[in-house]
Amino acid sequence: MLTLRGSSALSPFRLEKLRADLVASGLPVRSLAASFVHVAELTDSAAALSAGQQTVLEKLLTYGPRRAEVSIPAGSGLVQIIAPRPGTISPWSSKATDI
């Protein structure tokens, strides 16, 4: 499995609004960050991608508005990962299979 970090999932405005809502609910939140993470299953798990293949994959996964990278120190807080159930096929991937 290859894991690539994507762009920020929420705008600074949305992050601040969410942080304010959490603080208003009584949670001691100092800061929030949300980013997309792309996980690619390689067909040959023993082989790594070549530099050219890595570049192509990164270009395919670069989309949407560019936002500043948020540096989150390891172990600096609670990390939540939200993902579909294993085996779930999205409408996009099933359509791509039909094409």
PDB file of N, CA and C in Angstrom:
ATOM      1  N   MET A   1       0.844  -1.180   0.000  1.00  0.00           N
ATOM      2  CA  MET A   1       0.000   0.000   0.000  1.00  0.00           C
ATOM      3  C   MET A   1       0.885   1.236   0.000  1.00  0.00           C
ATOM      4  N   LEU A   2       0.533   2.159  -0.837  1.00  0.00           N
ATOM      5  CA  LEU A   2       1.251   3.424  -0.930  1.00  0.00           C
ATOM      6  C   LEU A   2       0.320   4.511  -0.400  1.00  0.00           C
ATOM      7  N   THR A   3       0.795   5.316   0.534  1.00  0.00           N
ATOM      8  CA  THR A   3      -0.018   6.370   1.124  1.00  0.00           C
ATOM      9  C   THR A   3       0.546   7.729   0.726  1.00  0.00           C
ATOM     10  N   LEU A   4      -0.306   8.560   0.135  1.00  0.00           N
ATOM     11  CA  LEU A   4       0.093   9.903  -0.290  1.00  0.00           C
ATOM     12  C   LEU A   4      -0.826  10.928   0.362  1.00  0.00           C
ATOM     13  N   ARG A   5      -0.252  11.956   0.921  1.00  0.00           N
ATOM     14  CA  ARG A   5      -1.048  13.002   1.553  1.00  0.00           C
ATOM     15  C   ARG A   5      -1.548  13.958   0.488  1.00  0.00           C
ATOM     16  N   GLY A   6      -2.832  14.294   0.566  1.00  0.00           N
ATOM     17  CA  GLY A   6      -3.436  15.223  -0.381  1.00  0.00           C
ATOM     18  C   GLY A   6      -3.493  16.630   0.175  1.00  0.00           C
ATOM     19  N   SER A   7      -4.289  17.453  -0.455  1.00  0.00           N
ATOM     20  CA  SER A   7      -4.424  18.839  -0.024  1.00  0.00           C
ATOM     21  C   SER A   7      -5.332  18.934   1.192  1.00  0.00           C
ATOM     22  N   SER A   8      -5.454  20.122   1.709  1.00  0.00           N
ATOM     23  CA  SER A   8      -6.314  20.362   2.860  1.00  0.00           C
ATOM     24  C   SER A   8      -7.759  20.064   2.481  1.00  0.00           C
ATOM     25  N   ALA A   9      -8.496  19.422   3.378  1.00  0.00           N
ATOM     26  CA  ALA A   9      -9.883  19.053   3.093  1.00  0.00           C
ATOM     27  C   ALA A   9     -10.851  20.184   3.407  1.00  0.00           C
ATOM     28  N   LEU A  10     -10.458  21.118   4.264  1.00  0.00           N
ATOM     29  CA  LEU A  10     -11.326  22.225   4.647  1.00  0.00           C
ATOM     30  C   LEU A  10     -10.580  23.543   4.539  1.00  0.00           C
ATOM     31  N   SER A  11     -11.314  24.594   4.211  1.00  0.00           N
ATOM     32  CA  SER A  11     -10.723  25.927   4.132  1.00  0.00           C
ATOM     33  C   SER A  11     -10.418  26.434   5.539  1.00  0.00           C
ATOM     34  N   PRO A  12      -9.523  27.409   5.668  1.00  0.00           N
ATOM     35  CA  PRO A  12      -9.246  27.983   6.990  1.00  0.00           C
ATOM     36  C   PRO A  12     -10.517  28.500   7.670  1.00  0.00           C
ATOM     37  N   PHE A  13     -11.442  29.072   6.907  1.00  0.00           N
ATOM     38  CA  PHE A  13     -12.705  29.572   7.462  1.00  0.00           C
ATOM     39  C   PHE A  13     -13.502  28.426   8.086  1.00  0.00           C
ATOM     40  N   ARG A  14     -13.637  27.312   7.356  1.00  0.00           N
ATOM     41  CA  ARG A  14     -14.399  26.158   7.859  1.00  0.00           C
ATOM     42  C   ARG A  14     -13.728  25.533   9.086  1.00  0.00           C
ATOM     43  N   LEU A  15     -12.396  25.460   9.065  1.00  0.00           N
ATOM     44  CA  LEU A  15     -11.680  24.915  10.219  1.00  0.00           C
ATOM     45  C   LEU A  15     -11.902  25.775  11.462  1.00  0.00           C
ATOM     46  N   GLU A  16     -11.850  27.087  11.290  1.00  0.00           N
ATOM     47  CA  GLU A  16     -12.054  27.990  12.430  1.00  0.00           C
ATOM     48  C   GLU A  16     -13.480  27.904  12.944  1.00  0.00           C
ATOM     49  N   LYS A  17     -14.445  27.801  12.051  1.00  0.00           N
ATOM     50  CA  LYS A  17     -15.845  27.664  12.467  1.00  0.00           C
ATOM     51  C   LYS A  17     -16.046  26.358  13.237  1.00  0.00           C
ATOM     52  N   LEU A  18     -15.478  25.275  12.750  1.00  0.00           N
ATOM     53  CA  LEU A  18     -15.578  23.995  13.428  1.00  0.00           C
ATOM     54  C   LEU A  18     -14.897  24.050  14.797  1.00  0.00           C
ATOM     55  N   ARG A  19     -13.723  24.673  14.867  1.00  0.00           N
ATOM     56  CA  ARG A  19     -13.013  24.810  16.137  1.00  0.00           C
ATOM     57  C   ARG A  19     -13.850  25.603  17.134  1.00  0.00           C
ATOM     58  N   ALA A  20     -14.437  26.712  16.672  1.00  0.00           N
ATOM     59  CA  ALA A  20     -15.275  27.539  17.551  1.00  0.00           C
ATOM     60  C   ALA A  20     -16.490  26.756  18.044  1.00  0.00           C
ATOM     61  N   ASP A  21     -17.108  25.966  17.179  1.00  0.00           N
ATOM     62  CA  ASP A  21     -18.254  25.145  17.579  1.00  0.00           C
ATOM     63  C   ASP A  21     -17.856  24.106  18.625  1.00  0.00           C
ATOM     64  N   LEU A  22     -16.689  23.498  18.448  1.00  0.00           N
ATOM     65  CA  LEU A  22     -16.221  22.503  19.411  1.00  0.00           C
ATOM     66  C   LEU A  22     -15.913  23.140  20.764  1.00  0.00           C
ATOM     67  N   VAL A  23     -15.288  24.313  20.753  1.00  0.00           N
ATOM     68  CA  VAL A  23     -14.996  25.032  21.997  1.00  0.00           C
ATOM     69  C   VAL A  23     -16.297  25.430  22.688  1.00  0.00           C
ATOM     70  N   ALA A  24     -17.286  25.885  21.903  1.00  0.00           N
ATOM     71  CA  ALA A  24     -18.591  26.254  22.467  1.00  0.00           C
ATOM     72  C   ALA A  24     -19.289  25.047  23.094  1.00  0.00           C
ATOM     73  N   SER A  25     -18.955  23.841  22.615  1.00  0.00           N
ATOM     74  CA  SER A  25     -19.538  22.619  23.174  1.00  0.00           C
ATOM     75  C   SER A  25     -18.797  22.146  24.431  1.00  0.00           C
ATOM     76  N   GLY A  26     -17.752  22.872  24.796  1.00  0.00           N
ATOM     77  CA  GLY A  26     -17.010  22.530  26.007  1.00  0.00           C
ATOM     78  C   GLY A  26     -15.789  21.666  25.789  1.00  0.00           C
ATOM     79  N   LEU A  27     -15.376  21.465  24.549  1.00  0.00           N
ATOM     80  CA  LEU A  27     -14.182  20.667  24.273  1.00  0.00           C
ATOM     81  C   LEU A  27     -12.947  21.573  24.218  1.00  0.00           C
ATOM     82  N   PRO A  28     -11.849  21.172  24.850  1.00  0.00           N
ATOM     83  CA  PRO A  28     -10.647  22.009  24.875  1.00  0.00           C
ATOM     84  C   PRO A  28      -9.824  21.885  23.587  1.00  0.00           C
ATOM     85  N   VAL A  29     -10.313  22.454  22.495  1.00  0.00           N
ATOM     86  CA  VAL A  29      -9.649  22.355  21.197  1.00  0.00           C
ATOM     87  C   VAL A  29      -8.849  23.632  20.938  1.00  0.00           C
ATOM     88  N   ARG A  30      -7.559  23.458  20.644  1.00  0.00           N
ATOM     89  CA  ARG A  30      -6.707  24.610  20.313  1.00  0.00           C
ATOM     90  C   ARG A  30      -6.605  24.828  18.810  1.00  0.00           C
ATOM     91  N   SER A  31      -6.511  23.747  18.060  1.00  0.00           N
ATOM     92  CA  SER A  31      -6.411  23.875  16.610  1.00  0.00           C
ATOM     93  C   SER A  31      -6.909  22.604  15.944  1.00  0.00           C
ATOM     94  N   LEU A  32      -7.251  22.739  14.662  1.00  0.00           N
ATOM     95  CA  LEU A  32      -7.743  21.619  13.862  1.00  0.00           C
ATOM     96  C   LEU A  32      -7.037  21.610  12.512  1.00  0.00           C
ATOM     97  N   ALA A  33      -6.947  20.448  11.941  1.00  0.00           N
ATOM     98  CA  ALA A  33      -6.460  20.313  10.572  1.00  0.00           C
ATOM     99  C   ALA A  33      -7.210  19.151   9.936  1.00  0.00           C
ATOM    100  N   ALA A  34      -7.454  19.246   8.647  1.00  0.00           N
ATOM    101  CA  ALA A  34      -8.116  18.168   7.920  1.00  0.00           C
ATOM    102  C   ALA A  34      -7.487  18.089   6.532  1.00  0.00           C
ATOM    103  N   SER A  35      -7.032  16.910   6.176  1.00  0.00           N
ATOM    104  CA  SER A  35      -6.439  16.764   4.848  1.00  0.00           C
ATOM    105  C   SER A  35      -6.870  15.440   4.239  1.00  0.00           C
ATOM    106  N   PHE A  36      -6.849  15.416   2.911  1.00  0.00           N
ATOM    107  CA  PHE A  36      -7.156  14.187   2.191  1.00  0.00           C
ATOM    108  C   PHE A  36      -5.932  13.277   2.227  1.00  0.00           C
ATOM    109  N   VAL A  37      -6.163  11.978   2.276  1.00  0.00           N
ATOM    110  CA  VAL A  37      -5.096  10.987   2.214  1.00  0.00           C
ATOM    111  C   VAL A  37      -5.489   9.987   1.139  1.00  0.00           C
ATOM    112  N   HIS A  38      -4.576   9.714   0.231  1.00  0.00           N
ATOM    113  CA  HIS A  38      -4.825   8.777  -0.853  1.00  0.00           C
ATOM    114  C   HIS A  38      -4.043   7.501  -0.588  1.00  0.00           C
ATOM    115  N   VAL A  39      -4.719   6.375  -0.680  1.00  0.00           N
ATOM    116  CA  VAL A  39      -4.085   5.075  -0.468  1.00  0.00           C
ATOM    117  C   VAL A  39      -4.203   4.297  -1.773  1.00  0.00           C
ATOM    118  N   ALA A  40      -3.061   3.870  -2.289  1.00  0.00           N
ATOM    119  CA  ALA A  40      -3.037   3.122  -3.545  1.00  0.00           C
ATOM    120  C   ALA A  40      -2.494   1.721  -3.284  1.00  0.00           C
ATOM    121  N   GLU A  41      -3.239   0.736  -3.740  1.00  0.00           N
ATOM    122  CA  GLU A  41      -2.770  -0.644  -3.617  1.00  0.00           C
ATOM    123  C   GLU A  41      -2.007  -0.993  -4.887  1.00  0.00           C
ATOM    124  N   LEU A  42      -0.749  -1.296  -4.736  1.00  0.00           N
ATOM    125  CA  LEU A  42       0.083  -1.633  -5.883  1.00  0.00           C
ATOM    126  C   LEU A  42      -0.143  -3.092  -6.261  1.00  0.00           C
ATOM    127  N   THR A  43      -0.107  -3.392  -7.561  1.00  0.00           N
ATOM    128  CA  THR A  43      -0.360  -4.757  -8.011  1.00  0.00           C
ATOM    129  C   THR A  43       0.739  -5.705  -7.556  1.00  0.00           C
ATOM    130  N   ASP A  44       1.961  -5.228  -7.522  1.00  0.00           N
ATOM    131  CA  ASP A  44       3.081  -6.044  -7.045  1.00  0.00           C
ATOM    132  C   ASP A  44       3.576  -5.409  -5.757  1.00  0.00           C
ATOM    133  N   SER A  45       3.179  -5.970  -4.626  1.00  0.00           N
ATOM    134  CA  SER A  45       3.485  -5.358  -3.331  1.00  0.00           C
ATOM    135  C   SER A  45       4.977  -5.334  -3.022  1.00  0.00           C
ATOM    136  N   ALA A  46       5.766  -6.177  -3.702  1.00  0.00           N
ATOM    137  CA  ALA A  46       7.200  -6.205  -3.435  1.00  0.00           C
ATOM    138  C   ALA A  46       7.942  -5.101  -4.186  1.00  0.00           C
ATOM    139  N   ALA A  47       7.342  -4.580  -5.254  1.00  0.00           N
ATOM    140  CA  ALA A  47       8.020  -3.574  -6.075  1.00  0.00           C
ATOM    141  C   ALA A  47       7.517  -2.176  -5.742  1.00  0.00           C
ATOM    142  N   ALA A  48       8.433  -1.238  -5.770  1.00  0.00           N
ATOM    143  CA  ALA A  48       8.066   0.165  -5.565  1.00  0.00           C
ATOM    144  C   ALA A  48       7.830   0.806  -6.927  1.00  0.00           C
ATOM    145  N   LEU A  49       7.153   1.941  -6.923  1.00  0.00           N
ATOM    146  CA  LEU A  49       6.937   2.654  -8.177  1.00  0.00           C
ATOM    147  C   LEU A  49       8.234   3.298  -8.640  1.00  0.00           C
ATOM    148  N   SER A  50       8.410   3.370  -9.949  1.00  0.00           N
ATOM    149  CA  SER A  50       9.562   4.087 -10.484  1.00  0.00           C
ATOM    150  C   SER A  50       9.329   5.582 -10.287  1.00  0.00           C
ATOM    151  N   ALA A  51      10.360   6.371 -10.477  1.00  0.00           N
ATOM    152  CA  ALA A  51      10.237   7.822 -10.304  1.00  0.00           C
ATOM    153  C   ALA A  51       9.188   8.388 -11.261  1.00  0.00           C
ATOM    154  N   GLY A  52       9.158   7.891 -12.500  1.00  0.00           N
ATOM    155  CA  GLY A  52       8.179   8.350 -13.483  1.00  0.00           C
ATOM    156  C   GLY A  52       6.757   7.981 -13.084  1.00  0.00           C
ATOM    157  N   GLN A  53       6.574   6.763 -12.612  1.00  0.00           N
ATOM    158  CA  GLN A  53       5.245   6.322 -12.181  1.00  0.00           C
ATOM    159  C   GLN A  53       4.773   7.118 -10.965  1.00  0.00           C
ATOM    160  N   GLN A  54       5.696   7.386 -10.037  1.00  0.00           N
ATOM    161  CA  GLN A  54       5.370   8.176  -8.845  1.00  0.00           C
ATOM    162  C   GLN A  54       4.925   9.573  -9.250  1.00  0.00           C
ATOM    163  N   THR A  55       5.616  10.177 -10.219  1.00  0.00           N
ATOM    164  CA  THR A  55       5.270  11.512 -10.701  1.00  0.00           C
ATOM    165  C   THR A  55       3.879  11.521 -11.330  1.00  0.00           C
ATOM    166  N   VAL A  56       3.582  10.521 -12.155  1.00  0.00           N
ATOM    167  CA  VAL A  56       2.266  10.429 -12.798  1.00  0.00           C
ATOM    168  C   VAL A  56       1.173  10.276 -11.744  1.00  0.00           C
ATOM    169  N   LEU A  57       1.381   9.412 -10.764  1.00  0.00           N
ATOM    170  CA  LEU A  57       0.384   9.204  -9.717  1.00  0.00           C
ATOM    171  C   LEU A  57       0.145  10.486  -8.924  1.00  0.00           C
ATOM    172  N   GLU A  58       1.210  11.190  -8.577  1.00  0.00           N
ATOM    173  CA  GLU A  58       1.065  12.442  -7.836  1.00  0.00           C
ATOM    174  C   GLU A  58       0.320  13.491  -8.656  1.00  0.00           C
ATOM    175  N   LYS A  59       0.551  13.543  -9.957  1.00  0.00           N
ATOM    176  CA  LYS A  59      -0.175  14.482 -10.817  1.00  0.00           C
ATOM    177  C   LYS A  59      -1.657  14.129 -10.885  1.00  0.00           C
ATOM    178  N   LEU A  60      -1.970  12.843 -10.962  1.00  0.00           N
ATOM    179  CA  LEU A  60      -3.366  12.413 -10.998  1.00  0.00           C
ATOM    180  C   LEU A  60      -4.101  12.763  -9.706  1.00  0.00           C
ATOM    181  N   LEU A  61      -3.388  12.738  -8.596  1.00  0.00           N
ATOM    182  CA  LEU A  61      -3.999  12.995  -7.296  1.00  0.00           C
ATOM    183  C   LEU A  61      -3.881  14.448  -6.849  1.00  0.00           C
ATOM    184  N   THR A  62      -3.429  15.320  -7.743  1.00  0.00           N
ATOM    185  CA  THR A  62      -3.361  16.746  -7.444  1.00  0.00           C
ATOM    186  C   THR A  62      -4.550  17.409  -8.123  1.00  0.00           C
ATOM    187  N   TYR A  63      -5.469  17.925  -7.308  1.00  0.00           N
ATOM    188  CA  TYR A  63      -6.702  18.489  -7.846  1.00  0.00           C
ATOM    189  C   TYR A  63      -7.219  19.537  -6.876  1.00  0.00           C
ATOM    190  N   GLY A  64      -8.206  20.272  -7.335  1.00  0.00           N
ATOM    191  CA  GLY A  64      -8.853  21.257  -6.462  1.00  0.00           C
ATOM    192  C   GLY A  64      -7.961  22.443  -6.167  1.00  0.00           C
ATOM    193  N   PRO A  65      -8.460  23.357  -5.355  1.00  0.00           N
ATOM    194  CA  PRO A  65      -7.672  24.544  -5.031  1.00  0.00           C
ATOM    195  C   PRO A  65      -6.455  24.185  -4.189  1.00  0.00           C
ATOM    196  N   ARG A  66      -5.367  24.856  -4.470  1.00  0.00           N
ATOM    197  CA  ARG A  66      -4.147  24.629  -3.694  1.00  0.00           C
ATOM    198  C   ARG A  66      -4.249  25.402  -2.393  1.00  0.00           C
ATOM    199  N   ARG A  67      -3.959  24.720  -1.314  1.00  0.00           N
ATOM    200  CA  ARG A  67      -3.954  25.362  -0.005  1.00  0.00           C
ATOM    201  C   ARG A  67      -2.610  25.113   0.643  1.00  0.00           C
ATOM    202  N   ALA A  68      -2.269  25.965   1.569  1.00  0.00           N
ATOM    203  CA  ALA A  68      -0.989  25.822   2.258  1.00  0.00           C
ATOM    204  C   ALA A  68      -0.955  24.504   3.022  1.00  0.00           C
ATOM    205  N   GLU A  69       0.191  23.861   3.005  1.00  0.00           N
ATOM    206  CA  GLU A  69       0.375  22.632   3.765  1.00  0.00           C
ATOM    207  C   GLU A  69       0.328  22.954   5.253  1.00  0.00           C
ATOM    208  N   VAL A  70      -0.326  22.110   5.995  1.00  0.00           N
ATOM    209  CA  VAL A  70      -0.385  22.264   7.440  1.00  0.00           C
ATOM    210  C   VAL A  70       0.559  21.251   8.047  1.00  0.00           C
ATOM    211  N   SER A  71       1.514  21.722   8.810  1.00  0.00           N
ATOM    212  CA  SER A  71       2.457  20.827   9.448  1.00  0.00           C
ATOM    213  C   SER A  71       1.907  20.411  10.805  1.00  0.00           C
ATOM    214  N   ILE A  72       1.689  19.127  10.969  1.00  0.00           N
ATOM    215  CA  ILE A  72       1.155  18.607  12.224  1.00  0.00           C
ATOM    216  C   ILE A  72       2.230  17.726  12.846  1.00  0.00           C
ATOM    217  N   PRO A  73       2.786  18.148  13.976  1.00  0.00           N
ATOM    218  CA  PRO A  73       3.809  17.313  14.619  1.00  0.00           C
ATOM    219  C   PRO A  73       3.235  15.966  15.036  1.00  0.00           C
ATOM    220  N   ALA A  74       4.027  14.927  14.907  1.00  0.00           N
ATOM    221  CA  ALA A  74       3.577  13.588  15.284  1.00  0.00           C
ATOM    222  C   ALA A  74       3.238  13.553  16.770  1.00  0.00           C
ATOM    223  N   GLY A  75       2.129  12.929  17.098  1.00  0.00           N
ATOM    224  CA  GLY A  75       1.733  12.788  18.487  1.00  0.00           C
ATOM    225  C   GLY A  75       1.240  14.065  19.128  1.00  0.00           C
ATOM    226  N   SER A  76       0.823  15.038  18.313  1.00  0.00           N
ATOM    227  CA  SER A  76       0.420  16.328  18.878  1.00  0.00           C
ATOM    228  C   SER A  76      -1.050  16.379  19.262  1.00  0.00           C
ATOM    229  N   GLY A  77      -1.777  15.323  19.033  1.00  0.00           N
ATOM    230  CA  GLY A  77      -3.193  15.349  19.378  1.00  0.00           C
ATOM    231  C   GLY A  77      -3.902  14.116  18.876  1.00  0.00           C
ATOM    232  N   LEU A  78      -5.197  14.192  18.861  1.00  0.00           N
ATOM    233  CA  LEU A  78      -6.046  13.089  18.429  1.00  0.00           C
ATOM    234  C   LEU A  78      -6.117  13.062  16.903  1.00  0.00           C
ATOM    235  N   VAL A  79      -5.898  11.911  16.319  1.00  0.00           N
ATOM    236  CA  VAL A  79      -5.990  11.741  14.871  1.00  0.00           C
ATOM    237  C   VAL A  79      -7.188  10.837  14.578  1.00  0.00           C
ATOM    238  N   GLN A  80      -8.088  11.298  13.731  1.00  0.00           N
ATOM    239  CA  GLN A  80      -9.248  10.520  13.316  1.00  0.00           C
ATOM    240  C   GLN A  80      -9.148  10.280  11.814  1.00  0.00           C
ATOM    241  N   ILE A  81      -9.296   9.042  11.402  1.00  0.00           N
ATOM    242  CA  ILE A  81      -9.281   8.708   9.979  1.00  0.00           C
ATOM    243  C   ILE A  81     -10.686   8.281   9.599  1.00  0.00           C
ATOM    244  N   ILE A  82     -11.233   8.924   8.581  1.00  0.00           N
ATOM    245  CA  ILE A  82     -12.576   8.618   8.109  1.00  0.00           C
ATOM    246  C   ILE A  82     -12.436   8.019   6.723  1.00  0.00           C
ATOM    247  N   ALA A  83     -12.901   6.790   6.569  1.00  0.00           N
ATOM    248  CA  ALA A  83     -12.746   6.084   5.301  1.00  0.00           C
ATOM    249  C   ALA A  83     -13.965   5.196   5.069  1.00  0.00           C
ATOM    250  N   PRO A  84     -14.203   4.836   3.813  1.00  0.00           N
ATOM    251  CA  PRO A  84     -15.302   3.911   3.539  1.00  0.00           C
ATOM    252  C   PRO A  84     -14.987   2.523   4.094  1.00  0.00           C
ATOM    253  N   ARG A  85     -16.023   1.726   4.273  1.00  0.00           N
ATOM    254  CA  ARG A  85     -15.827   0.349   4.707  1.00  0.00           C
ATOM    255  C   ARG A  85     -15.004  -0.402   3.665  1.00  0.00           C
ATOM    256  N   PRO A  86     -14.203  -1.365   4.109  1.00  0.00           N
ATOM    257  CA  PRO A  86     -13.456  -2.181   3.140  1.00  0.00           C
ATOM    258  C   PRO A  86     -14.417  -2.854   2.156  1.00  0.00           C
ATOM    259  N   GLY A  87     -14.051  -2.857   0.899  1.00  0.00           N
ATOM    260  CA  GLY A  87     -14.880  -3.480  -0.115  1.00  0.00           C
ATOM    261  C   GLY A  87     -15.913  -2.560  -0.722  1.00  0.00           C
ATOM    262  N   THR A  88     -16.048  -1.341  -0.180  1.00  0.00           N
ATOM    263  CA  THR A  88     -17.018  -0.395  -0.717  1.00  0.00           C
ATOM    264  C   THR A  88     -16.536   0.110  -2.068  1.00  0.00           C
ATOM    265  N   ILE A  89     -17.420   0.113  -3.041  1.00  0.00           N
ATOM    266  CA  ILE A  89     -17.090   0.634  -4.370  1.00  0.00           C
ATOM    267  C   ILE A  89     -17.864   1.924  -4.559  1.00  0.00           C
ATOM    268  N   SER A  90     -17.147   3.000  -4.846  1.00  0.00           N
ATOM    269  CA  SER A  90     -17.806   4.291  -5.028  1.00  0.00           C
ATOM    270  C   SER A  90     -18.445   4.364  -6.404  1.00  0.00           C
ATOM    271  N   PRO A  91     -19.416   5.268  -6.581  1.00  0.00           N
ATOM    272  CA  PRO A  91     -20.021   5.445  -7.903  1.00  0.00           C
ATOM    273  C   PRO A  91     -18.979   5.828  -8.946  1.00  0.00           C
ATOM    274  N   TRP A  92     -17.958   6.587  -8.512  1.00  0.00           N
ATOM    275  CA  TRP A  92     -16.922   7.018  -9.462  1.00  0.00           C
ATOM    276  C   TRP A  92     -16.111   5.835  -9.951  1.00  0.00           C
ATOM    277  N   SER A  93     -15.705   4.960  -9.031  1.00  0.00           N
ATOM    278  CA  SER A  93     -14.862   3.831  -9.462  1.00  0.00           C
ATOM    279  C   SER A  93     -15.664   2.834 -10.280  1.00  0.00           C
ATOM    280  N   SER A  94     -16.953   2.633  -9.959  1.00  0.00           N
ATOM    281  CA  SER A  94     -17.746   1.697 -10.748  1.00  0.00           C
ATOM    282  C   SER A  94     -17.997   2.251 -12.152  1.00  0.00           C
ATOM    283  N   LYS A  95     -18.157   3.556 -12.268  1.00  0.00           N
ATOM    284  CA  LYS A  95     -18.338   4.182 -13.589  1.00  0.00           C
ATOM    285  C   LYS A  95     -17.050   4.041 -14.404  1.00  0.00           C
ATOM    286  N   ALA A  96     -15.898   4.249 -13.749  1.00  0.00           N
ATOM    287  CA  ALA A  96     -14.618   4.126 -14.444  1.00  0.00           C
ATOM    288  C   ALA A  96     -14.440   2.696 -14.947  1.00  0.00           C
ATOM    289  N   THR A  97     -14.917   1.714 -14.203  1.00  0.00           N
ATOM    290  CA  THR A  97     -14.811   0.326 -14.623  1.00  0.00           C
ATOM    291  C   THR A  97     -15.676   0.076 -15.853  1.00  0.00           C
ATOM    292  N   ASP A  98     -16.874   0.698 -15.893  1.00  0.00           N
ATOM    293  CA  ASP A  98     -17.767   0.553 -17.048  1.00  0.00           C
ATOM    294  C   ASP A  98     -17.151   1.136 -18.318  1.00  0.00           C
ATOM    295  N   ILE A  99     -16.436   2.253 -18.163  1.00  0.00           N
ATOM    296  CA  ILE A  99     -15.850   2.916 -19.327  1.00  0.00           C
ATOM    297  C   ILE A  99     -14.731   2.070 -19.878  1.00  0.00           C
TER     298      ILE A  99
END
